[in-house]
Amino acid sequence: MLSLILFQRIAELFVIIFFGWLIVKVGILKSEDSRCLSMILLYIIAPSVFFNAFQIERTPEVLSMMAFSAVLALIFNVLLILLGDLSAKLLHLDVVEEASIIYPNSGNMAIPLVSAIFGTEWVVFVTLYPLPYVRQRGAEGVPAEDPAEYKYSGDFSRRADVLPEHSAAGDCP
């Protein structure tokens, strides 16, 4: 039963992807508009979902499950950093390929699936999963001068001088 529900929810996501492709092909939106839609998702929708997820009663059971989720997120973060570093060395990956291993895009798929399958009260546990990645990306950064030459160094002191001066949201019409 659960696998059927999961299949239905994943199929719904593919229908959404198909309609996104279709509205670009028909000309309603241009592919460049995806940047603005991403900014809306990143700066408005995602924080709203996170904020709403934490509006639950904090019972001892919920707090212990949140702590367990946070510990698992940290463990997976460390494992993916090690896997990304090892893969980059063995397979001679560039920085983008290595970063795609280290920083999974877990929130955009997992949060809607968990919400649809288990209900909104379970979203709080999923929102804890991407938090170490968000913290890691913000601390590590990518040099604005030449991102192609960037290599993970573990040096978290470079944060102030790694990002470009302009805001990405400023590119939206």
Protein backbone atom coordinates (compact mmCIF):
# COMPACT_ATOMS: atom_id res chain seq x y z
CA MET A 1 0.00 0.00 0.00
CA LEU A 2 2.77 2.43 0.95
CA SER A 3 4.71 1.68 -2.23
CA LEU A 4 1.61 2.45 -4.32
CA ILE A 5 1.17 5.80 -2.57
CA LEU A 6 4.87 6.56 -3.06
CA PHE A 7 4.60 5.67 -6.76
CA GLN A 8 1.57 7.97 -7.13
CA ARG A 9 3.37 10.89 -5.47
CA ILE A 10 6.49 10.44 -7.59
CA ALA A 11 4.29 10.23 -10.69
CA GLU A 12 2.68 13.53 -9.65
CA LEU A 13 6.12 15.13 -9.45
CA PHE A 14 6.90 13.92 -12.97
CA VAL A 15 3.60 15.38 -14.19
CA ILE A 16 4.66 18.73 -12.69
CA ILE A 17 8.04 18.43 -14.43
CA PHE A 18 6.28 17.63 -17.70
CA PHE A 19 4.04 20.69 -17.40
CA GLY A 20 7.09 22.82 -16.62
CA TRP A 21 8.70 21.59 -19.84
CA LEU A 22 5.43 22.12 -21.72
CA ILE A 23 4.92 25.74 -20.68
CA VAL A 24 8.44 26.52 -21.88
CA LYS A 25 7.85 24.73 -25.21
CA VAL A 26 4.51 26.51 -25.74
CA GLY A 27 6.15 29.85 -24.96
CA ILE A 28 4.28 30.84 -21.80
CA LEU A 29 7.61 31.01 -19.95
CA LYS A 30 11.21 31.13 -21.16
CA SER A 31 13.91 28.84 -19.80
CA GLU A 32 15.59 31.93 -18.31
CA ASP A 33 12.52 32.41 -16.08
CA SER A 34 13.56 29.32 -14.12
CA ARG A 35 16.09 31.46 -12.24
CA CYS A 36 13.35 33.73 -10.90
CA LEU A 37 11.15 30.78 -10.03
CA SER A 38 14.10 29.22 -8.21
CA MET A 39 14.62 32.42 -6.24
CA ILE A 40 10.95 32.43 -5.23
CA LEU A 41 11.27 28.81 -4.15
CA LEU A 42 14.53 29.41 -2.29
CA TYR A 43 13.70 32.67 -0.52
CA ILE A 44 9.92 32.46 0.01
CA ILE A 45 8.47 28.96 -0.30
CA ALA A 46 11.23 26.90 1.34
CA PRO A 47 11.51 29.11 4.45
CA SER A 48 7.72 29.10 4.74
CA VAL A 49 7.64 25.30 4.61
CA PHE A 50 10.44 25.08 7.20
CA PHE A 51 8.74 27.60 9.49
CA ASN A 52 5.38 25.84 9.16
CA ALA A 53 6.96 22.42 9.81
CA PHE A 54 8.14 23.51 13.24
CA GLN A 55 4.68 24.70 14.30
CA ILE A 56 3.94 21.45 16.11
CA GLU A 57 3.54 20.42 19.72
CA ARG A 58 6.94 19.63 21.19
CA THR A 59 6.41 16.42 23.08
CA PRO A 60 9.33 14.33 24.40
CA GLU A 61 8.71 11.82 21.59
CA VAL A 62 8.84 14.53 18.91
CA LEU A 63 11.99 16.05 20.40
CA SER A 64 13.76 12.68 20.51
CA MET A 65 12.78 11.99 16.90
CA MET A 66 14.06 15.44 15.91
CA ALA A 67 17.36 14.76 17.68
CA PHE A 68 17.62 11.39 15.94
CA SER A 69 16.93 13.07 12.57
CA ALA A 70 19.60 15.69 13.24
CA VAL A 71 22.18 13.03 14.20
CA LEU A 72 21.40 11.04 11.05
CA ALA A 73 21.73 14.21 8.96
CA LEU A 74 25.17 14.91 10.42
CA ILE A 75 26.30 11.31 9.85
CA PHE A 76 25.12 11.40 6.23
CA ASN A 77 26.82 14.79 5.75
CA VAL A 78 30.17 13.40 6.89
CA LEU A 79 29.74 10.25 4.79
CA LEU A 80 28.91 12.24 1.67
CA ILE A 81 31.90 14.54 2.17
CA LEU A 82 34.15 11.49 2.42
CA LEU A 83 32.45 9.83 -0.56
CA GLY A 84 32.73 13.02 -2.63
CA ASP A 85 36.41 13.41 -1.82
CA LEU A 86 37.16 9.75 -2.53
CA SER A 87 35.14 9.79 -5.77
CA ALA A 88 36.86 12.98 -6.93
CA LYS A 89 40.28 11.40 -6.42
CA LEU A 90 39.47 8.01 -7.94
CA LEU A 91 37.34 9.20 -10.85
CA HIS A 92 39.07 12.57 -11.45
CA LEU A 93 35.82 14.50 -10.99
CA ASP A 94 35.64 18.24 -11.47
CA VAL A 95 34.31 20.52 -8.73
CA VAL A 96 30.71 20.46 -9.96
CA GLU A 97 30.61 16.67 -10.02
CA GLU A 98 32.18 16.46 -6.58
CA ALA A 99 29.78 19.05 -5.18
CA SER A 100 26.80 17.14 -6.57
CA ILE A 101 27.89 14.16 -4.46
CA ILE A 102 28.60 16.18 -1.32
CA TYR A 103 25.48 18.37 -1.45
CA PRO A 104 22.38 16.38 -2.41
CA ASN A 105 19.23 18.19 -3.45
CA SER A 106 17.23 16.32 -0.86
CA GLY A 107 14.71 18.94 0.20
CA ASN A 108 13.02 19.61 -3.12
CA MET A 109 12.01 15.97 -3.56
CA ALA A 110 11.78 14.64 -0.02
CA ILE A 111 9.68 17.34 1.62
CA PRO A 112 6.75 17.16 -0.84
CA LEU A 113 6.85 13.36 -0.80
CA VAL A 114 6.84 13.10 2.98
CA SER A 115 4.12 15.72 3.23
CA ALA A 116 1.92 13.92 0.72
CA ILE A 117 2.51 10.40 2.04
CA PHE A 118 2.80 10.81 5.81
CA GLY A 119 1.23 14.23 6.35
CA THR A 120 2.55 17.65 7.23
CA GLU A 121 3.30 16.70 10.84
CA TRP A 122 6.20 14.55 9.58
CA VAL A 123 7.81 17.31 7.51
CA VAL A 124 9.70 18.64 10.53
CA PHE A 125 11.89 15.53 10.56
CA VAL A 126 12.75 15.89 6.87
CA THR A 127 13.57 19.61 7.17
CA LEU A 128 16.40 18.73 9.54
CA TYR A 129 18.13 16.61 6.88
CA PRO A 130 19.39 19.41 4.56
CA LEU A 131 20.48 21.74 7.40
CA PRO A 132 24.09 20.47 7.66
CA TYR A 133 24.45 20.87 3.89
CA VAL A 134 23.15 24.42 3.98
CA ARG A 135 25.57 25.26 6.80
CA GLN A 136 28.45 23.55 5.02
CA ARG A 137 27.80 25.31 1.69
CA GLY A 138 27.56 28.68 3.41
CA ALA A 139 30.78 28.16 5.34
CA GLU A 140 32.75 26.63 2.52
CA GLY A 141 31.58 28.73 -0.41
CA VAL A 142 32.95 28.82 -3.92
CA PRO A 143 35.51 31.42 -4.99
CA ALA A 144 33.85 34.07 -7.16
CA GLU A 145 37.00 34.62 -9.21
CA ASP A 146 37.19 31.17 -10.81
CA PRO A 147 34.75 28.49 -9.60
CA ALA A 148 36.34 25.95 -11.98
CA GLU A 149 39.53 25.95 -9.92
CA TYR A 150 37.71 25.50 -6.62
CA LYS A 151 38.57 22.44 -4.56
CA TYR A 152 37.19 21.60 -1.10
CA SER A 153 39.79 22.48 1.48
CA GLY A 154 37.88 22.38 4.74
CA ASP A 155 38.88 25.99 5.40
CA PHE A 156 35.78 27.70 6.77
CA SER A 157 37.47 31.08 7.25
CA ARG A 158 37.07 32.10 3.58
CA ARG A 159 33.31 32.74 3.78
CA ALA A 160 33.42 36.52 3.47
CA ASP A 161 35.43 36.65 0.27
CA VAL A 162 34.03 33.74 -1.71
CA LEU A 163 30.67 34.97 -2.95
CA PRO A 164 30.04 37.63 -5.60
CA GLU A 165 28.91 41.08 -4.51
CA HIS A 166 25.54 41.12 -6.29
CA SER A 167 22.45 39.25 -5.22
CA ALA A 168 21.17 36.48 -7.48
CA ALA A 169 17.62 37.78 -6.96
CA GLY A 170 18.66 41.04 -8.62
CA ASP A 171 18.76 39.22 -11.96
CA CYS A 172 14.98 38.66 -11.98
CA PRO A 173 12.79 41.00 -14.00
